[in-house]
């Protein structure tokens, strides 16, 4: 049987200050709910499959259970870039339940998203009065005013067919 060793690229990528679990219980002495925590330093990183199997107590059922959990996390981590699984649009059916339907739109190119954000902010400043403090003394109204200015600027950009075409490239 061959042995595959895993050596982390850097120790920093595997450092965690501590691991913790928490639960709330009814304390009969104080006659109230209290929150309890367990904290511990994380275990050393697993360095080989043999190390993993040993730490799992050589229990095949437990090993398969956690291998399945790890595989699902790996699959989820890579789902966004998986070309075999199509993106779908979130919609609602007639009862208000969430349903997924095929997405037929055109997403903005990733490299254009940052440019669009900068353009929207600059246009909002120039045309719609976007500023750091649009409504002095009222944080909520200030946020609403800034969001409205940005929404108008975005609408202005997206109403221009040449701008939309440029964002697709």
C-alpha atoms as a PDB file:
ATOM      1  CA  UNK A   1       0.000   0.000   0.000  1.00  0.00           C
ATOM      2  CA  UNK A   2       1.469   3.366  -1.020  1.00  0.00           C
ATOM      3  CA  UNK A   3       1.601   6.220   1.425  1.00  0.00           C
ATOM      4  CA  UNK A   4       0.673   9.725   0.352  1.00  0.00           C
ATOM      5  CA  UNK A   5       1.947  12.430   2.636  1.00  0.00           C
ATOM      6  CA  UNK A   6       0.192  15.772   2.897  1.00  0.00           C
ATOM      7  CA  UNK A   7       2.348  18.710   3.808  1.00  0.00           C
ATOM      8  CA  UNK A   8       0.473  21.998   4.208  1.00  0.00           C
ATOM      9  CA  UNK A   9       1.723  24.786   1.943  1.00  0.00           C
ATOM     10  CA  UNK A  10       2.124  26.963   5.004  1.00  0.00           C
ATOM     11  CA  UNK A  11       1.372  26.431   8.625  1.00  0.00           C
ATOM     12  CA  UNK A  12      -0.486  29.782   8.593  1.00  0.00           C
ATOM     13  CA  UNK A  13      -3.158  28.346   6.278  1.00  0.00           C
ATOM     14  CA  UNK A  14      -4.082  25.770   8.918  1.00  0.00           C
ATOM     15  CA  UNK A  15      -3.818  27.885  12.057  1.00  0.00           C
ATOM     16  CA  UNK A  16      -6.935  28.407  14.102  1.00  0.00           C
ATOM     17  CA  UNK A  17      -6.763  30.181  17.431  1.00  0.00           C
ATOM     18  CA  UNK A  18      -9.091  27.665  19.019  1.00  0.00           C
ATOM     19  CA  UNK A  19     -11.997  25.364  18.352  1.00  0.00           C
ATOM     20  CA  UNK A  20     -15.171  25.795  20.327  1.00  0.00           C
ATOM     21  CA  UNK A  21     -18.623  24.372  20.847  1.00  0.00           C
ATOM     22  CA  UNK A  22     -21.396  26.110  22.726  1.00  0.00           C
ATOM     23  CA  UNK A  23     -24.675  25.111  24.318  1.00  0.00           C
ATOM     24  CA  UNK A  24     -27.325  26.736  26.480  1.00  0.00           C
ATOM     25  CA  UNK A  25     -28.653  24.779  29.454  1.00  0.00           C
ATOM     26  CA  UNK A  26     -30.981  25.265  32.403  1.00  0.00           C
ATOM     27  CA  UNK A  27     -28.806  25.603  35.516  1.00  0.00           C
ATOM     28  CA  UNK A  28     -30.711  24.241  38.502  1.00  0.00           C
ATOM     29  CA  UNK A  29     -28.479  26.103  40.960  1.00  0.00           C
ATOM     30  CA  UNK A  30     -29.136  29.569  39.501  1.00  0.00           C
ATOM     31  CA  UNK A  31     -32.553  28.481  38.189  1.00  0.00           C
ATOM     32  CA  UNK A  32     -31.877  30.168  34.881  1.00  0.00           C
ATOM     33  CA  UNK A  33     -30.435  29.548  31.461  1.00  0.00           C
ATOM     34  CA  UNK A  34     -26.666  29.760  31.112  1.00  0.00           C
ATOM     35  CA  UNK A  35     -24.400  29.448  28.103  1.00  0.00           C
ATOM     36  CA  UNK A  36     -21.498  27.027  28.330  1.00  0.00           C
ATOM     37  CA  UNK A  37     -18.528  26.766  25.964  1.00  0.00           C
ATOM     38  CA  UNK A  38     -15.746  24.288  25.429  1.00  0.00           C
ATOM     39  CA  UNK A  39     -12.569  25.666  23.889  1.00  0.00           C
ATOM     40  CA  UNK A  40      -9.438  23.845  22.909  1.00  0.00           C
ATOM     41  CA  UNK A  41      -6.424  24.297  20.709  1.00  0.00           C
ATOM     42  CA  UNK A  42      -6.929  22.676  17.316  1.00  0.00           C
ATOM     43  CA  UNK A  43      -5.283  19.330  16.668  1.00  0.00           C
ATOM     44  CA  UNK A  44      -2.209  19.123  14.490  1.00  0.00           C
ATOM     45  CA  UNK A  45      -3.006  18.922  10.774  1.00  0.00           C
ATOM     46  CA  UNK A  46      -3.441  15.438   9.337  1.00  0.00           C
ATOM     47  CA  UNK A  47      -0.343  14.491   7.386  1.00  0.00           C
ATOM     48  CA  UNK A  48      -1.344  11.205   5.713  1.00  0.00           C
ATOM     49  CA  UNK A  49      -4.269   8.862   5.215  1.00  0.00           C
ATOM     50  CA  UNK A  50      -2.723   6.514   7.747  1.00  0.00           C
ATOM     51  CA  UNK A  51      -2.649   9.385  10.263  1.00  0.00           C
ATOM     52  CA  UNK A  52      -6.303  10.142   9.471  1.00  0.00           C
ATOM     53  CA  UNK A  53      -7.394   6.509   9.845  1.00  0.00           C
ATOM     54  CA  UNK A  54      -5.519   6.221  13.126  1.00  0.00           C
ATOM     55  CA  UNK A  55      -7.065   9.391  14.542  1.00  0.00           C
ATOM     56  CA  UNK A  56     -10.506   8.126  13.567  1.00  0.00           C
ATOM     57  CA  UNK A  57      -9.903   5.022  15.669  1.00  0.00           C
ATOM     58  CA  UNK A  58      -9.683   2.714  12.622  1.00  0.00           C
ATOM     59  CA  UNK A  59     -13.508   2.821  12.528  1.00  0.00           C
ATOM     60  CA  UNK A  60     -14.525   2.330   8.880  1.00  0.00           C
ATOM     61  CA  UNK A  61     -18.099   3.603   9.402  1.00  0.00           C
ATOM     62  CA  UNK A  62     -16.886   6.822  11.029  1.00  0.00           C
ATOM     63  CA  UNK A  63     -14.175   7.278   8.404  1.00  0.00           C
ATOM     64  CA  UNK A  64     -16.723   6.933   5.563  1.00  0.00           C
ATOM     65  CA  UNK A  65     -19.120   9.309   7.310  1.00  0.00           C
ATOM     66  CA  UNK A  66     -16.508  12.064   7.614  1.00  0.00           C
ATOM     67  CA  UNK A  67     -15.010  11.337   4.188  1.00  0.00           C
ATOM     68  CA  UNK A  68     -18.512  11.917   2.790  1.00  0.00           C
ATOM     69  CA  UNK A  69     -18.815  15.196   4.684  1.00  0.00           C
ATOM     70  CA  UNK A  70     -15.405  16.304   3.400  1.00  0.00           C
ATOM     71  CA  UNK A  71     -16.294  15.310  -0.166  1.00  0.00           C
ATOM     72  CA  UNK A  72     -19.568  17.281  -0.025  1.00  0.00           C
ATOM     73  CA  UNK A  73     -17.647  20.345   1.184  1.00  0.00           C
ATOM     74  CA  UNK A  74     -15.093  19.868  -1.613  1.00  0.00           C
ATOM     75  CA  UNK A  75     -17.909  19.562  -4.178  1.00  0.00           C
ATOM     76  CA  UNK A  76     -19.627  22.674  -2.802  1.00  0.00           C
ATOM     77  CA  UNK A  77     -16.344  24.622  -2.819  1.00  0.00           C
ATOM     78  CA  UNK A  78     -15.963  23.820  -6.535  1.00  0.00           C
ATOM     79  CA  UNK A  79     -19.625  24.099  -7.585  1.00  0.00           C
ATOM     80  CA  UNK A  80     -19.393  27.722  -8.714  1.00  0.00           C
ATOM     81  CA  UNK A  81     -16.758  26.859 -11.327  1.00  0.00           C
ATOM     82  CA  UNK A  82     -18.333  23.528 -12.388  1.00  0.00           C
ATOM     83  CA  UNK A  83     -19.389  23.935 -16.051  1.00  0.00           C
ATOM     84  CA  UNK A  84     -21.548  20.787 -15.905  1.00  0.00           C
ATOM     85  CA  UNK A  85     -24.022  22.372 -13.463  1.00  0.00           C
ATOM     86  CA  UNK A  86     -25.923  25.301 -15.007  1.00  0.00           C
ATOM     87  CA  UNK A  87     -26.748  28.528 -13.179  1.00  0.00           C
ATOM     88  CA  UNK A  88     -30.476  28.894 -12.571  1.00  0.00           C
ATOM     89  CA  UNK A  89     -32.626  31.898 -11.754  1.00  0.00           C
ATOM     90  CA  UNK A  90     -34.430  31.998  -8.408  1.00  0.00           C
ATOM     91  CA  UNK A  91     -38.144  32.621  -8.965  1.00  0.00           C
ATOM     92  CA  UNK A  92     -41.442  31.990  -7.170  1.00  0.00           C
ATOM     93  CA  UNK A  93     -44.285  29.691  -8.123  1.00  0.00           C
ATOM     94  CA  UNK A  94     -47.972  30.686  -7.833  1.00  0.00           C
ATOM     95  CA  UNK A  95     -47.960  29.711  -4.129  1.00  0.00           C
ATOM     96  CA  UNK A  96     -44.953  31.898  -3.340  1.00  0.00           C
ATOM     97  CA  UNK A  97     -42.532  28.968  -3.029  1.00  0.00           C
ATOM     98  CA  UNK A  98     -38.987  29.353  -4.311  1.00  0.00           C
ATOM     99  CA  UNK A  99     -38.335  27.567  -7.599  1.00  0.00           C
ATOM    100  CA  UNK A 100     -35.342  27.497  -9.912  1.00  0.00           C
ATOM    101  CA  UNK A 101     -35.809  28.205 -13.609  1.00  0.00           C
ATOM    102  CA  UNK A 102     -33.261  28.214 -16.433  1.00  0.00           C
ATOM    103  CA  UNK A 103     -31.230  31.442 -16.615  1.00  0.00           C
ATOM    104  CA  UNK A 104     -31.294  32.882 -20.128  1.00  0.00           C
ATOM    105  CA  UNK A 105     -29.788  36.309 -19.395  1.00  0.00           C
ATOM    106  CA  UNK A 106     -26.265  37.563 -19.953  1.00  0.00           C
ATOM    107  CA  UNK A 107     -24.150  38.045 -16.834  1.00  0.00           C
ATOM    108  CA  UNK A 108     -21.688  40.914 -16.695  1.00  0.00           C
ATOM    109  CA  UNK A 109     -18.124  39.868 -17.400  1.00  0.00           C
ATOM    110  CA  UNK A 110     -16.210  39.471 -14.129  1.00  0.00           C
ATOM    111  CA  UNK A 111     -13.468  41.839 -15.219  1.00  0.00           C
ATOM    112  CA  UNK A 112     -16.061  44.544 -16.039  1.00  0.00           C
ATOM    113  CA  UNK A 113     -17.849  44.448 -12.672  1.00  0.00           C
ATOM    114  CA  UNK A 114     -15.246  46.557 -10.859  1.00  0.00           C
ATOM    115  CA  UNK A 115     -15.151  49.064 -13.729  1.00  0.00           C
ATOM    116  CA  UNK A 116     -18.929  49.358 -13.669  1.00  0.00           C
ATOM    117  CA  UNK A 117     -18.897  50.033  -9.914  1.00  0.00           C
ATOM    118  CA  UNK A 118     -16.362  52.851 -10.331  1.00  0.00           C
ATOM    119  CA  UNK A 119     -18.302  54.317 -13.253  1.00  0.00           C
ATOM    120  CA  UNK A 120     -21.555  54.247 -11.292  1.00  0.00           C
ATOM    121  CA  UNK A 121     -19.982  56.004  -8.286  1.00  0.00           C
ATOM    122  CA  UNK A 122     -18.360  58.672 -10.475  1.00  0.00           C
ATOM    123  CA  UNK A 123     -21.573  59.251 -12.427  1.00  0.00           C
ATOM    124  CA  UNK A 124     -23.604  59.370  -9.199  1.00  0.00           C
ATOM    125  CA  UNK A 125     -21.230  62.045  -7.858  1.00  0.00           C
ATOM    126  CA  UNK A 126     -21.235  64.086 -11.057  1.00  0.00           C
ATOM    127  CA  UNK A 127     -24.926  63.921 -11.982  1.00  0.00           C
ATOM    128  CA  UNK A 128     -26.941  62.892  -8.922  1.00  0.00           C
ATOM    129  CA  UNK A 129     -25.138  64.633  -6.041  1.00  0.00           C
ATOM    130  CA  UNK A 130     -23.717  61.496  -4.448  1.00  0.00           C
ATOM    131  CA  UNK A 131     -21.542  62.510  -1.506  1.00  0.00           C
ATOM    132  CA  UNK A 132     -20.307  61.085   1.765  1.00  0.00           C
ATOM    133  CA  UNK A 133     -22.837  63.051   3.803  1.00  0.00           C
ATOM    134  CA  UNK A 134     -25.911  63.722   1.665  1.00  0.00           C
ATOM    135  CA  UNK A 135     -28.320  63.955   4.625  1.00  0.00           C
ATOM    136  CA  UNK A 136     -26.395  65.343   7.612  1.00  0.00           C
ATOM    137  CA  UNK A 137     -27.420  63.985  11.007  1.00  0.00           C
ATOM    138  CA  UNK A 138     -29.577  61.110   9.753  1.00  0.00           C
ATOM    139  CA  UNK A 139     -27.607  57.938   9.011  1.00  0.00           C
ATOM    140  CA  UNK A 140     -30.555  55.950   7.609  1.00  0.00           C
ATOM    141  CA  UNK A 141     -31.734  58.742   5.307  1.00  0.00           C
ATOM    142  CA  UNK A 142     -28.142  59.360   4.207  1.00  0.00           C
ATOM    143  CA  UNK A 143     -27.776  55.687   3.231  1.00  0.00           C
ATOM    144  CA  UNK A 144     -31.075  55.797   1.347  1.00  0.00           C
ATOM    145  CA  UNK A 145     -30.055  58.961  -0.532  1.00  0.00           C
ATOM    146  CA  UNK A 146     -26.694  57.467  -1.487  1.00  0.00           C
ATOM    147  CA  UNK A 147     -28.332  54.224  -2.638  1.00  0.00           C
ATOM    148  CA  UNK A 148     -30.880  56.182  -4.679  1.00  0.00           C
ATOM    149  CA  UNK A 149     -28.129  58.222  -6.379  1.00  0.00           C
ATOM    150  CA  UNK A 150     -26.211  55.036  -7.239  1.00  0.00           C
ATOM    151  CA  UNK A 151     -29.396  53.333  -8.507  1.00  0.00           C
ATOM    152  CA  UNK A 152     -30.138  56.288 -10.810  1.00  0.00           C
ATOM    153  CA  UNK A 153     -26.557  56.262 -12.099  1.00  0.00           C
ATOM    154  CA  UNK A 154     -26.698  52.510 -12.755  1.00  0.00           C
ATOM    155  CA  UNK A 155     -30.022  52.915 -14.555  1.00  0.00           C
ATOM    156  CA  UNK A 156     -28.470  55.678 -16.664  1.00  0.00           C
ATOM    157  CA  UNK A 157     -25.514  53.474 -17.648  1.00  0.00           C
ATOM    158  CA  UNK A 158     -27.684  50.428 -18.398  1.00  0.00           C
ATOM    159  CA  UNK A 159     -30.097  52.478 -20.523  1.00  0.00           C
ATOM    160  CA  UNK A 160     -27.269  53.075 -23.003  1.00  0.00           C
ATOM    161  CA  UNK A 161     -27.085  50.126 -25.467  1.00  0.00           C
ATOM    162  CA  UNK A 162     -23.411  50.833 -26.255  1.00  0.00           C
ATOM    163  CA  UNK A 163     -22.517  50.671 -22.551  1.00  0.00           C
ATOM    164  CA  UNK A 164     -24.397  47.376 -22.144  1.00  0.00           C
ATOM    165  CA  UNK A 165     -22.581  45.883 -25.151  1.00  0.00           C
ATOM    166  CA  UNK A 166     -19.230  46.998 -23.743  1.00  0.00           C
ATOM    167  CA  UNK A 167     -20.054  45.308 -20.428  1.00  0.00           C
ATOM    168  CA  UNK A 168     -20.728  42.014 -22.230  1.00  0.00           C
ATOM    169  CA  UNK A 169     -17.238  41.857 -23.774  1.00  0.00           C
END
